[in-house]
Amino acid sequence: PGKQRELVASITSGRTNYPDSVKGRFTISRDNANKAIFLQMNSL
């Protein structure tokens, strides 16, 4: 609310990257066969 859109997770050739604000809590993954990506968010 009232904020700009921000990147919270990325996945590139299997490598993942997160900003400090979510590192250790969020996990991105992808399933190319089913054309899907996921974001597991813990300790919200």
PDB file of all heavy atoms in Angstrom:
ATOM      1  N   PRO A   1       0.824  -1.211   0.000  1.00  0.00           N
ATOM      2  CA  PRO A   1       0.000   0.000   0.000  1.00  0.00           C
ATOM      3  C   PRO A   1       0.861   1.265   0.000  1.00  0.00           C
ATOM      4  O   PRO A   1       1.716   1.432   0.885  1.00  0.00           O
ATOM      5  CB  PRO A   1      -0.806  -0.133   1.292  1.00  0.00           C
ATOM      6  CG  PRO A   1      -0.775  -1.580   1.637  1.00  0.00           C
ATOM      7  CD  PRO A   1       0.531  -2.092   1.138  1.00  0.00           C
ATOM      8  N   GLY A   2       0.665   2.119  -0.983  1.00  0.00           N
ATOM      9  CA  GLY A   2       1.399   3.365  -1.051  1.00  0.00           C
ATOM     10  C   GLY A   2       2.870   3.223  -1.392  1.00  0.00           C
ATOM     11  O   GLY A   2       3.645   4.173  -1.218  1.00  0.00           O
ATOM     12  N   LYS A   3       3.262   2.049  -1.864  1.00  0.00           N
ATOM     13  CA  LYS A   3       4.680   1.809  -2.163  1.00  0.00           C
ATOM     14  C   LYS A   3       4.872   1.491  -3.639  1.00  0.00           C
ATOM     15  O   LYS A   3       3.937   1.121  -4.333  1.00  0.00           O
ATOM     16  CB  LYS A   3       5.211   0.644  -1.322  1.00  0.00           C
ATOM     17  CG  LYS A   3       5.163   0.885   0.174  1.00  0.00           C
ATOM     18  CD  LYS A   3       5.724  -0.308   0.922  1.00  0.00           C
ATOM     19  CE  LYS A   3       5.668  -0.107   2.413  1.00  0.00           C
ATOM     20  NZ  LYS A   3       6.209  -1.278   3.151  1.00  0.00           N
ATOM     21  N   GLN A   4       6.108   1.619  -4.093  1.00  0.00           N
ATOM     22  CA  GLN A   4       6.437   1.216  -5.449  1.00  0.00           C
ATOM     23  C   GLN A   4       6.601  -0.305  -5.521  1.00  0.00           C
ATOM     24  O   GLN A   4       6.900  -0.965  -4.521  1.00  0.00           O
ATOM     25  CB  GLN A   4       7.733   1.900  -5.897  1.00  0.00           C
ATOM     26  CG  GLN A   4       7.597   3.397  -6.123  1.00  0.00           C
ATOM     27  CD  GLN A   4       8.838   3.994  -6.758  1.00  0.00           C
ATOM     28  OE1 GLN A   4       9.942   3.490  -6.591  1.00  0.00           O
ATOM     29  NE2 GLN A   4       8.648   5.065  -7.517  1.00  0.00           N
ATOM     30  N   ARG A   5       6.400  -0.824  -6.707  1.00  0.00           N
ATOM     31  CA  ARG A   5       6.611  -2.247  -6.912  1.00  0.00           C
ATOM     32  C   ARG A   5       8.089  -2.581  -6.730  1.00  0.00           C
ATOM     33  O   ARG A   5       8.959  -1.838  -7.201  1.00  0.00           O
ATOM     34  CB  ARG A   5       6.145  -2.637  -8.304  1.00  0.00           C
ATOM     35  CG  ARG A   5       6.052  -4.122  -8.561  1.00  0.00           C
ATOM     36  CD  ARG A   5       5.385  -4.359  -9.907  1.00  0.00           C
ATOM     37  NE  ARG A   5       3.957  -4.094  -9.841  1.00  0.00           N
ATOM     38  CZ  ARG A   5       3.216  -3.841 -10.913  1.00  0.00           C
ATOM     39  NH1 ARG A   5       3.778  -3.771 -12.104  1.00  0.00           N
ATOM     40  NH2 ARG A   5       1.916  -3.635 -10.786  1.00  0.00           N
ATOM     41  N   GLU A   6       8.371  -3.690  -6.043  1.00  0.00           N
ATOM     42  CA  GLU A   6       9.753  -4.075  -5.791  1.00  0.00           C
ATOM     43  C   GLU A   6       9.944  -5.560  -6.062  1.00  0.00           C
ATOM     44  O   GLU A   6       9.022  -6.360  -5.930  1.00  0.00           O
ATOM     45  CB  GLU A   6      10.142  -3.776  -4.333  1.00  0.00           C
ATOM     46  CG  GLU A   6       9.331  -4.545  -3.297  1.00  0.00           C
ATOM     47  CD  GLU A   6       9.808  -4.327  -1.884  1.00  0.00           C
ATOM     48  OE1 GLU A   6      10.959  -3.890  -1.683  1.00  0.00           O
ATOM     49  OE2 GLU A   6       9.026  -4.630  -0.952  1.00  0.00           O
ATOM     50  N   LEU A   7      11.164  -5.906  -6.422  1.00  0.00           N
ATOM     51  CA  LEU A   7      11.535  -7.300  -6.657  1.00  0.00           C
ATOM     52  C   LEU A   7      11.849  -7.958  -5.321  1.00  0.00           C
ATOM     53  O   LEU A   7      12.623  -7.419  -4.531  1.00  0.00           O
ATOM     54  CB  LEU A   7      12.758  -7.355  -7.572  1.00  0.00           C
ATOM     55  CG  LEU A   7      13.307  -8.733  -7.917  1.00  0.00           C
ATOM     56  CD1 LEU A   7      12.356  -9.456  -8.863  1.00  0.00           C
ATOM     57  CD2 LEU A   7      14.684  -8.612  -8.546  1.00  0.00           C
ATOM     58  N   VAL A   8      11.255  -9.130  -5.075  1.00  0.00           N
ATOM     59  CA  VAL A   8      11.524  -9.834  -3.819  1.00  0.00           C
ATOM     60  C   VAL A   8      12.224 -11.176  -4.037  1.00  0.00           C
ATOM     61  O   VAL A   8      12.690 -11.787  -3.070  1.00  0.00           O
ATOM     62  CB  VAL A   8      10.243 -10.050  -2.988  1.00  0.00           C
ATOM     63  CG1 VAL A   8       9.668  -8.718  -2.549  1.00  0.00           C
ATOM     64  CG2 VAL A   8       9.205 -10.866  -3.739  1.00  0.00           C
ATOM     65  N   ALA A   9      12.287 -11.639  -5.250  1.00  0.00           N
ATOM     66  CA  ALA A   9      12.996 -12.890  -5.511  1.00  0.00           C
ATOM     67  C   ALA A   9      13.201 -13.030  -7.011  1.00  0.00           C
ATOM     68  O   ALA A   9      12.345 -12.624  -7.784  1.00  0.00           O
ATOM     69  CB  ALA A   9      12.222 -14.090  -4.992  1.00  0.00           C
ATOM     70  N   SER A  10      14.331 -13.601  -7.401  1.00  0.00           N
ATOM     71  CA  SER A  10      14.567 -13.872  -8.813  1.00  0.00           C
ATOM     72  C   SER A  10      15.272 -15.205  -8.961  1.00  0.00           C
ATOM     73  O   SER A  10      15.960 -15.670  -8.038  1.00  0.00           O
ATOM     74  CB  SER A  10      15.391 -12.759  -9.462  1.00  0.00           C
ATOM     75  OG  SER A  10      16.667 -12.672  -8.878  1.00  0.00           O
ATOM     76  N   ILE A  11      15.077 -15.812 -10.125  1.00  0.00           N
ATOM     77  CA  ILE A  11      15.724 -17.083 -10.421  1.00  0.00           C
ATOM     78  C   ILE A  11      16.236 -17.042 -11.850  1.00  0.00           C
ATOM     79  O   ILE A  11      15.480 -16.768 -12.791  1.00  0.00           O
ATOM     80  CB  ILE A  11      14.774 -18.269 -10.165  1.00  0.00           C
ATOM     81  CG1 ILE A  11      15.488 -19.594 -10.393  1.00  0.00           C
ATOM     82  CG2 ILE A  11      13.503 -18.158 -10.986  1.00  0.00           C
ATOM     83  CD1 ILE A  11      14.742 -20.785  -9.799  1.00  0.00           C
ATOM     84  N   THR A  12      17.529 -17.277 -12.002  1.00  0.00           N
ATOM     85  CA  THR A  12      18.215 -17.174 -13.293  1.00  0.00           C
ATOM     86  C   THR A  12      19.114 -18.388 -13.438  1.00  0.00           C
ATOM     87  O   THR A  12      20.047 -18.539 -12.667  1.00  0.00           O
ATOM     88  CB  THR A  12      19.052 -15.888 -13.366  1.00  0.00           C
ATOM     89  OG1 THR A  12      18.226 -14.763 -13.072  1.00  0.00           O
ATOM     90  CG2 THR A  12      19.679 -15.736 -14.737  1.00  0.00           C
ATOM     91  N   SER A  13      18.811 -19.227 -14.402  1.00  0.00           N
ATOM     92  CA  SER A  13      19.624 -20.425 -14.638  1.00  0.00           C
ATOM     93  C   SER A  13      19.870 -21.198 -13.346  1.00  0.00           C
ATOM     94  O   SER A  13      20.986 -21.664 -13.094  1.00  0.00           O
ATOM     95  CB  SER A  13      20.970 -20.041 -15.283  1.00  0.00           C
ATOM     96  OG  SER A  13      20.767 -19.404 -16.525  1.00  0.00           O
ATOM     97  N   GLY A  14      18.825 -21.271 -12.523  1.00  0.00           N
ATOM     98  CA  GLY A  14      18.934 -22.026 -11.284  1.00  0.00           C
ATOM     99  C   GLY A  14      19.477 -21.250 -10.108  1.00  0.00           C
ATOM    100  O   GLY A  14      19.372 -21.684  -8.962  1.00  0.00           O
ATOM    101  N   ARG A  15      20.068 -20.108 -10.376  1.00  0.00           N
ATOM    102  CA  ARG A  15      20.570 -19.271  -9.273  1.00  0.00           C
ATOM    103  C   ARG A  15      19.446 -18.362  -8.783  1.00  0.00           C
ATOM    104  O   ARG A  15      18.698 -17.804  -9.575  1.00  0.00           O
ATOM    105  CB  ARG A  15      21.750 -18.427  -9.738  1.00  0.00           C
ATOM    106  CG  ARG A  15      22.960 -19.247 -10.164  1.00  0.00           C
ATOM    107  CD  ARG A  15      24.164 -18.351 -10.403  1.00  0.00           C
ATOM    108  NE  ARG A  15      23.880 -17.291 -11.353  1.00  0.00           N
ATOM    109  CZ  ARG A  15      23.993 -17.424 -12.667  1.00  0.00           C
ATOM    110  NH1 ARG A  15      24.369 -18.584 -13.188  1.00  0.00           N
ATOM    111  NH2 ARG A  15      23.748 -16.403 -13.467  1.00  0.00           N
ATOM    112  N   THR A  16      19.378 -18.216  -7.487  1.00  0.00           N
ATOM    113  CA  THR A  16      18.338 -17.386  -6.883  1.00  0.00           C
ATOM    114  C   THR A  16      18.952 -16.191  -6.176  1.00  0.00           C
ATOM    115  O   THR A  16      20.120 -16.233  -5.748  1.00  0.00           O
ATOM    116  CB  THR A  16      17.496 -18.194  -5.896  1.00  0.00           C
ATOM    117  OG1 THR A  16      18.353 -18.723  -4.869  1.00  0.00           O
ATOM    118  CG2 THR A  16      16.789 -19.345  -6.591  1.00  0.00           C
ATOM    119  N   ASN A  17      18.153 -15.156  -6.054  1.00  0.00           N
ATOM    120  CA  ASN A  17      18.641 -13.947  -5.399  1.00  0.00           C
ATOM    121  C   ASN A  17      17.476 -13.281  -4.677  1.00  0.00           C
ATOM    122  O   ASN A  17      16.326 -13.320  -5.165  1.00  0.00           O
ATOM    123  CB  ASN A  17      19.249 -12.984  -6.419  1.00  0.00           C
ATOM    124  CG  ASN A  17      20.084 -11.913  -5.754  1.00  0.00           C
ATOM    125  OD1 ASN A  17      20.798 -12.192  -4.800  1.00  0.00           O
ATOM    126  ND2 ASN A  17      19.989 -10.701  -6.242  1.00  0.00           N
ATOM    127  N   TYR A  18      17.769 -12.706  -3.503  1.00  0.00           N
ATOM    128  CA  TYR A  18      16.739 -12.084  -2.683  1.00  0.00           C
ATOM    129  C   TYR A  18      17.280 -10.805  -2.065  1.00  0.00           C
ATOM    130  O   TYR A  18      18.461 -10.740  -1.699  1.00  0.00           O
ATOM    131  CB  TYR A  18      16.327 -13.026  -1.543  1.00  0.00           C
ATOM    132  CG  TYR A  18      15.962 -14.420  -1.984  1.00  0.00           C
ATOM    133  CD1 TYR A  18      16.939 -15.415  -2.055  1.00  0.00           C
ATOM    134  CD2 TYR A  18      14.666 -14.740  -2.331  1.00  0.00           C
ATOM    135  CE1 TYR A  18      16.615 -16.697  -2.473  1.00  0.00           C
ATOM    136  CE2 TYR A  18      14.335 -16.018  -2.748  1.00  0.00           C
ATOM    137  CZ  TYR A  18      15.313 -16.990  -2.814  1.00  0.00           C
ATOM    138  OH  TYR A  18      14.992 -18.262  -3.219  1.00  0.00           O
ATOM    139  N   PRO A  19      16.428  -9.816  -1.869  1.00  0.00           N
ATOM    140  CA  PRO A  19      16.867  -8.653  -1.093  1.00  0.00           C
ATOM    141  C   PRO A  19      16.943  -9.037   0.382  1.00  0.00           C
ATOM    142  O   PRO A  19      16.352 -10.027   0.826  1.00  0.00           O
ATOM    143  CB  PRO A  19      15.753  -7.633  -1.355  1.00  0.00           C
ATOM    144  CG  PRO A  19      14.542  -8.455  -1.621  1.00  0.00           C
ATOM    145  CD  PRO A  19      15.034  -9.670  -2.336  1.00  0.00           C
ATOM    146  N   ASP A  20      17.642  -8.223   1.132  1.00  0.00           N
ATOM    147  CA  ASP A  20      17.829  -8.514   2.554  1.00  0.00           C
ATOM    148  C   ASP A  20      16.502  -8.599   3.307  1.00  0.00           C
ATOM    149  O   ASP A  20      16.394  -9.319   4.299  1.00  0.00           O
ATOM    150  CB  ASP A  20      18.718  -7.450   3.198  1.00  0.00           C
ATOM    151  CG  ASP A  20      20.161  -7.559   2.762  1.00  0.00           C
ATOM    152  OD1 ASP A  20      20.551  -8.623   2.226  1.00  0.00           O
ATOM    153  OD2 ASP A  20      20.906  -6.584   2.956  1.00  0.00           O
ATOM    154  N   SER A  21      15.495  -7.867   2.838  1.00  0.00           N
ATOM    155  CA  SER A  21      14.225  -7.812   3.550  1.00  0.00           C
ATOM    156  C   SER A  21      13.509  -9.165   3.608  1.00  0.00           C
ATOM    157  O   SER A  21      12.681  -9.390   4.494  1.00  0.00           O
ATOM    158  CB  SER A  21      13.300  -6.767   2.903  1.00  0.00           C
ATOM    159  OG  SER A  21      13.074  -7.085   1.547  1.00  0.00           O
ATOM    160  N   VAL A  22      13.812 -10.072   2.671  1.00  0.00           N
ATOM    161  CA  VAL A  22      13.129 -11.368   2.657  1.00  0.00           C
ATOM    162  C   VAL A  22      14.102 -12.542   2.694  1.00  0.00           C
ATOM    163  O   VAL A  22      13.674 -13.694   2.782  1.00  0.00           O
ATOM    164  CB  VAL A  22      12.206 -11.508   1.428  1.00  0.00           C
ATOM    165  CG1 VAL A  22      11.251 -10.323   1.342  1.00  0.00           C
ATOM    166  CG2 VAL A  22      13.007 -11.652   0.143  1.00  0.00           C
ATOM    167  N   LYS A  23      15.390 -12.269   2.623  1.00  0.00           N
ATOM    168  CA  LYS A  23      16.388 -13.336   2.581  1.00  0.00           C
ATOM    169  C   LYS A  23      16.261 -14.228   3.812  1.00  0.00           C
ATOM    170  O   LYS A  23      16.141 -13.753   4.934  1.00  0.00           O
ATOM    171  CB  LYS A  23      17.780 -12.727   2.508  1.00  0.00           C
ATOM    172  CG  LYS A  23      18.881 -13.709   2.160  1.00  0.00           C
ATOM    173  CD  LYS A  23      20.204 -12.987   1.941  1.00  0.00           C
ATOM    174  CE  LYS A  23      20.164 -12.120   0.703  1.00  0.00           C
ATOM    175  NZ  LYS A  23      21.454 -11.441   0.437  1.00  0.00           N
ATOM    176  N   GLY A  24      16.262 -15.532   3.574  1.00  0.00           N
ATOM    177  CA  GLY A  24      16.111 -16.494   4.653  1.00  0.00           C
ATOM    178  C   GLY A  24      14.679 -16.838   4.979  1.00  0.00           C
ATOM    179  O   GLY A  24      14.412 -17.791   5.712  1.00  0.00           O
ATOM    180  N   ARG A  25      13.732 -16.062   4.418  1.00  0.00           N
ATOM    181  CA  ARG A  25      12.313 -16.316   4.679  1.00  0.00           C
ATOM    182  C   ARG A  25      11.564 -16.740   3.422  1.00  0.00           C
ATOM    183  O   ARG A  25      10.614 -17.514   3.498  1.00  0.00           O
ATOM    184  CB  ARG A  25      11.643 -15.064   5.252  1.00  0.00           C
ATOM    185  CG  ARG A  25      12.244 -14.573   6.557  1.00  0.00           C
ATOM    186  CD  ARG A  25      11.409 -13.465   7.181  1.00  0.00           C
ATOM    187  NE  ARG A  25      11.349 -12.273   6.341  1.00  0.00           N
ATOM    188  CZ  ARG A  25      10.209 -11.745   5.886  1.00  0.00           C
ATOM    189  NH1 ARG A  25       9.044 -12.322   6.168  1.00  0.00           N
ATOM    190  NH2 ARG A  25      10.236 -10.645   5.137  1.00  0.00           N
ATOM    191  N   PHE A  26      11.979 -16.221   2.272  1.00  0.00           N
ATOM    192  CA  PHE A  26      11.306 -16.504   1.001  1.00  0.00           C
ATOM    193  C   PHE A  26      12.195 -17.410   0.152  1.00  0.00           C
ATOM    194  O   PHE A  26      13.422 -17.278   0.158  1.00  0.00           O
ATOM    195  CB  PHE A  26      11.041 -15.220   0.220  1.00  0.00           C
ATOM    196  CG  PHE A  26       9.971 -14.327   0.782  1.00  0.00           C
ATOM    197  CD1 PHE A  26       9.448 -14.530   2.048  1.00  0.00           C
ATOM    198  CD2 PHE A  26       9.487 -13.269   0.029  1.00  0.00           C
ATOM    199  CE1 PHE A  26       8.462 -13.699   2.559  1.00  0.00           C
ATOM    200  CE2 PHE A  26       8.493 -12.427   0.521  1.00  0.00           C
ATOM    201  CZ  PHE A  26       7.993 -12.640   1.794  1.00  0.00           C
ATOM    202  N   THR A  27      11.552 -18.302  -0.601  1.00  0.00           N
ATOM    203  CA  THR A  27      12.266 -19.179  -1.521  1.00  0.00           C
ATOM    204  C   THR A  27      11.528 -19.246  -2.845  1.00  0.00           C
ATOM    205  O   THR A  27      10.340 -19.594  -2.879  1.00  0.00           O
ATOM    206  CB  THR A  27      12.404 -20.600  -0.953  1.00  0.00           C
ATOM    207  OG1 THR A  27      13.057 -20.544   0.322  1.00  0.00           O
ATOM    208  CG2 THR A  27      13.212 -21.478  -1.888  1.00  0.00           C
ATOM    209  N   ILE A  28      12.228 -18.921  -3.927  1.00  0.00           N
ATOM    210  CA  ILE A  28      11.647 -19.004  -5.266  1.00  0.00           C
ATOM    211  C   ILE A  28      12.086 -20.307  -5.917  1.00  0.00           C
ATOM    212  O   ILE A  28      13.212 -20.779  -5.709  1.00  0.00           O
ATOM    213  CB  ILE A  28      12.082 -17.787  -6.122  1.00  0.00           C
ATOM    214  CG1 ILE A  28      11.344 -17.780  -7.462  1.00  0.00           C
ATOM    215  CG2 ILE A  28      13.592 -17.752  -6.306  1.00  0.00           C
ATOM    216  CD1 ILE A  28      11.583 -16.503  -8.279  1.00  0.00           C
ATOM    217  N   SER A  29      11.169 -20.887  -6.683  1.00  0.00           N
ATOM    218  CA  SER A  29      11.493 -22.090  -7.441  1.00  0.00           C
ATOM    219  C   SER A  29      10.684 -22.087  -8.726  1.00  0.00           C
ATOM    220  O   SER A  29       9.742 -21.305  -8.868  1.00  0.00           O
ATOM    221  CB  SER A  29      11.214 -23.352  -6.621  1.00  0.00           C
ATOM    222  OG  SER A  29       9.844 -23.413  -6.246  1.00  0.00           O
ATOM    223  N   ARG A  30      11.072 -22.951  -9.668  1.00  0.00           N
ATOM    224  CA  ARG A  30      10.339 -22.997 -10.927  1.00  0.00           C
ATOM    225  C   ARG A  30      10.212 -24.430 -11.416  1.00  0.00           C
ATOM    226  O   ARG A  30      11.034 -25.287 -11.086  1.00  0.00           O
ATOM    227  CB  ARG A  30      11.007 -22.111 -11.982  1.00  0.00           C
ATOM    228  CG  ARG A  30      12.319 -22.594 -12.516  1.00  0.00           C
ATOM    229  CD  ARG A  30      12.969 -21.534 -13.410  1.00  0.00           C
ATOM    230  NE  ARG A  30      12.195 -21.259 -14.615  1.00  0.00           N
ATOM    231  CZ  ARG A  30      12.383 -20.190 -15.394  1.00  0.00           C
ATOM    232  NH1 ARG A  30      13.310 -19.292 -15.075  1.00  0.00           N
ATOM    233  NH2 ARG A  30      11.655 -20.007 -16.476  1.00  0.00           N
ATOM    234  N   ASP A  31       9.194 -24.653 -12.199  1.00  0.00           N
ATOM    235  CA  ASP A  31       8.927 -25.945 -12.812  1.00  0.00           C
ATOM    236  C   ASP A  31       8.707 -25.677 -14.298  1.00  0.00           C
ATOM    237  O   ASP A  31       7.602 -25.344 -14.725  1.00  0.00           O
ATOM    238  CB  ASP A  31       7.693 -26.576 -12.166  1.00  0.00           C
ATOM    239  CG  ASP A  31       7.326 -27.920 -12.765  1.00  0.00           C
ATOM    240  OD1 ASP A  31       7.917 -28.303 -13.803  1.00  0.00           O
ATOM    241  OD2 ASP A  31       6.446 -28.578 -12.222  1.00  0.00           O
ATOM    242  N   ASN A  32       9.761 -25.787 -15.085  1.00  0.00           N
ATOM    243  CA  ASN A  32       9.651 -25.441 -16.502  1.00  0.00           C
ATOM    244  C   ASN A  32       8.716 -26.375 -17.254  1.00  0.00           C
ATOM    245  O   ASN A  32       8.030 -25.955 -18.189  1.00  0.00           O
ATOM    246  CB  ASN A  32      11.025 -25.452 -17.157  1.00  0.00           C
ATOM    247  CG  ASN A  32      11.848 -24.237 -16.785  1.00  0.00           C
ATOM    248  OD1 ASN A  32      11.311 -23.191 -16.423  1.00  0.00           O
ATOM    249  ND2 ASN A  32      13.163 -24.371 -16.861  1.00  0.00           N
ATOM    250  N   ALA A  33       8.685 -27.631 -16.871  1.00  0.00           N
ATOM    251  CA  ALA A  33       7.826 -28.592 -17.564  1.00  0.00           C
ATOM    252  C   ALA A  33       6.355 -28.195 -17.475  1.00  0.00           C
ATOM    253  O   ALA A  33       5.575 -28.413 -18.413  1.00  0.00           O
ATOM    254  CB  ALA A  33       8.030 -29.986 -16.990  1.00  0.00           C
ATOM    255  N   ASN A  34       5.991 -27.601 -16.346  1.00  0.00           N
ATOM    256  CA  ASN A  34       4.612 -27.179 -16.143  1.00  0.00           C
ATOM    257  C   ASN A  34       4.428 -25.669 -16.233  1.00  0.00           C
ATOM    258  O   ASN A  34       3.361 -25.154 -15.906  1.00  0.00           O
ATOM    259  CB  ASN A  34       4.106 -27.687 -14.791  1.00  0.00           C
ATOM    260  CG  ASN A  34       3.948 -29.182 -14.768  1.00  0.00           C
ATOM    261  OD1 ASN A  34       3.164 -29.746 -15.525  1.00  0.00           O
ATOM    262  ND2 ASN A  34       4.724 -29.862 -13.919  1.00  0.00           N
ATOM    263  N   LYS A  35       5.479 -24.980 -16.697  1.00  0.00           N
ATOM    264  CA  LYS A  35       5.423 -23.532 -16.893  1.00  0.00           C
ATOM    265  C   LYS A  35       4.910 -22.825 -15.647  1.00  0.00           C
ATOM    266  O   LYS A  35       3.911 -22.088 -15.683  1.00  0.00           O
ATOM    267  CB  LYS A  35       4.556 -23.183 -18.105  1.00  0.00           C
ATOM    268  CG  LYS A  35       5.094 -23.710 -19.414  1.00  0.00           C
ATOM    269  CD  LYS A  35       4.230 -23.284 -20.579  1.00  0.00           C
ATOM    270  CE  LYS A  35       4.749 -23.833 -21.885  1.00  0.00           C
ATOM    271  NZ  LYS A  35       3.896 -23.435 -23.033  1.00  0.00           N
ATOM    272  N   ALA A  36       5.592 -23.047 -14.550  1.00  0.00           N
ATOM    273  CA  ALA A  36       5.152 -22.463 -13.286  1.00  0.00           C
ATOM    274  C   ALA A  36       6.339 -22.001 -12.472  1.00  0.00           C
ATOM    275  O   ALA A  36       7.442 -22.559 -12.579  1.00  0.00           O
ATOM    276  CB  ALA A  36       4.339 -23.479 -12.491  1.00  0.00           C
ATOM    277  N   ILE A  37       6.120 -20.991 -11.680  1.00  0.00           N
ATOM    278  CA  ILE A  37       7.085 -20.627 -10.653  1.00  0.00           C
ATOM    279  C   ILE A  37       6.344 -20.471  -9.329  1.00  0.00           C
ATOM    280  O   ILE A  37       5.121 -20.277  -9.312  1.00  0.00           O
ATOM    281  CB  ILE A  37       7.894 -19.351 -10.980  1.00  0.00           C
ATOM    282  CG1 ILE A  37       7.014 -18.121 -11.001  1.00  0.00           C
ATOM    283  CG2 ILE A  37       8.645 -19.490 -12.286  1.00  0.00           C
ATOM    284  CD1 ILE A  37       7.825 -16.835 -11.005  1.00  0.00           C
ATOM    285  N   PHE A  38       7.080 -20.569  -8.248  1.00  0.00           N
ATOM    286  CA  PHE A  38       6.502 -20.597  -6.919  1.00  0.00           C
ATOM    287  C   PHE A  38       7.287 -19.667  -5.997  1.00  0.00           C
ATOM    288  O   PHE A  38       8.460 -19.395  -6.219  1.00  0.00           O
ATOM    289  CB  PHE A  38       6.528 -22.021  -6.364  1.00  0.00           C
ATOM    290  CG  PHE A  38       5.888 -23.035  -7.272  1.00  0.00           C
ATOM    291  CD1 PHE A  38       6.672 -23.792  -8.131  1.00  0.00           C
ATOM    292  CD2 PHE A  38       4.526 -23.203  -7.298  1.00  0.00           C
ATOM    293  CE1 PHE A  38       6.102 -24.705  -8.991  1.00  0.00           C
ATOM    294  CE2 PHE A  38       3.940 -24.116  -8.160  1.00  0.00           C
ATOM    295  CZ  PHE A  38       4.731 -24.875  -9.006  1.00  0.00           C
ATOM    296  N   LEU A  39       6.611 -19.225  -4.957  1.00  0.00           N
ATOM    297  CA  LEU A  39       7.278 -18.451  -3.918  1.00  0.00           C
ATOM    298  C   LEU A  39       6.799 -18.979  -2.570  1.00  0.00           C
ATOM    299  O   LEU A  39       5.630 -18.799  -2.210  1.00  0.00           O
ATOM    300  CB  LEU A  39       6.971 -16.960  -4.037  1.00  0.00           C
ATOM    301  CG  LEU A  39       7.736 -16.065  -3.070  1.00  0.00           C
ATOM    302  CD1 LEU A  39       9.233 -16.068  -3.419  1.00  0.00           C
ATOM    303  CD2 LEU A  39       7.202 -14.645  -3.095  1.00  0.00           C
ATOM    304  N   GLN A  40       7.690 -19.650  -1.875  1.00  0.00           N
ATOM    305  CA  GLN A  40       7.404 -20.097  -0.513  1.00  0.00           C
ATOM    306  C   GLN A  40       7.786 -18.980   0.434  1.00  0.00           C
ATOM    307  O   GLN A  40       8.932 -18.533   0.443  1.00  0.00           O
ATOM    308  CB  GLN A  40       8.201 -21.369  -0.197  1.00  0.00           C
ATOM    309  CG  GLN A  40       7.989 -21.874   1.210  1.00  0.00           C
ATOM    310  CD  GLN A  40       6.583 -22.371   1.460  1.00  0.00           C
ATOM    311  OE1 GLN A  40       6.011 -23.062   0.631  1.00  0.00           O
ATOM    312  NE2 GLN A  40       6.017 -22.015   2.615  1.00  0.00           N
ATOM    313  N   MET A  41       6.829 -18.537   1.219  1.00  0.00           N
ATOM    314  CA  MET A  41       7.045 -17.425   2.136  1.00  0.00           C
ATOM    315  C   MET A  41       6.813 -17.913   3.559  1.00  0.00           C
ATOM    316  O   MET A  41       5.713 -18.362   3.896  1.00  0.00           O
ATOM    317  CB  MET A  41       6.099 -16.273   1.816  1.00  0.00           C
ATOM    318  CG  MET A  41       6.167 -15.808   0.370  1.00  0.00           C
ATOM    319  SD  MET A  41       5.191 -14.323   0.067  1.00  0.00           S
ATOM    320  CE  MET A  41       3.550 -14.952   0.398  1.00  0.00           C
ATOM    321  N   ASN A  42       7.840 -17.836   4.372  1.00  0.00           N
ATOM    322  CA  ASN A  42       7.762 -18.253   5.770  1.00  0.00           C
ATOM    323  C   ASN A  42       8.020 -17.061   6.681  1.00  0.00           C
ATOM    324  O   ASN A  42       8.534 -16.025   6.252  1.00  0.00           O
ATOM    325  CB  ASN A  42       8.798 -19.340   6.045  1.00  0.00           C
ATOM    326  CG  ASN A  42       8.569 -20.583   5.210  1.00  0.00           C
ATOM    327  OD1 ASN A  42       7.446 -20.966   4.898  1.00  0.00           O
ATOM    328  ND2 ASN A  42       9.666 -21.247   4.836  1.00  0.00           N
ATOM    329  N   SER A  43       7.670 -17.225   7.936  1.00  0.00           N
ATOM    330  CA  SER A  43       7.911 -16.184   8.947  1.00  0.00           C
ATOM    331  C   SER A  43       7.409 -14.829   8.462  1.00  0.00           C
ATOM    332  O   SER A  43       8.116 -13.812   8.531  1.00  0.00           O
ATOM    333  CB  SER A  43       9.407 -16.103   9.275  1.00  0.00           C
ATOM    334  OG  SER A  43       9.878 -17.348   9.751  1.00  0.00           O
ATOM    335  N   LEU A  44       6.201 -14.822   7.958  1.00  0.00           N
ATOM    336  CA  LEU A  44       5.653 -13.596   7.362  1.00  0.00           C
ATOM    337  C   LEU A  44       5.472 -12.503   8.397  1.00  0.00           C
ATOM    338  O   LEU A  44       5.164 -12.765   9.579  1.00  0.00           O
ATOM    339  CB  LEU A  44       4.335 -13.910   6.672  1.00  0.00           C
ATOM    340  CG  LEU A  44       4.495 -14.605   5.314  1.00  0.00           C
ATOM    341  CD1 LEU A  44       3.207 -15.273   4.887  1.00  0.00           C
ATOM    342  CD2 LEU A  44       4.963 -13.604   4.264  1.00  0.00           C
TER     343      LEU A  44
END
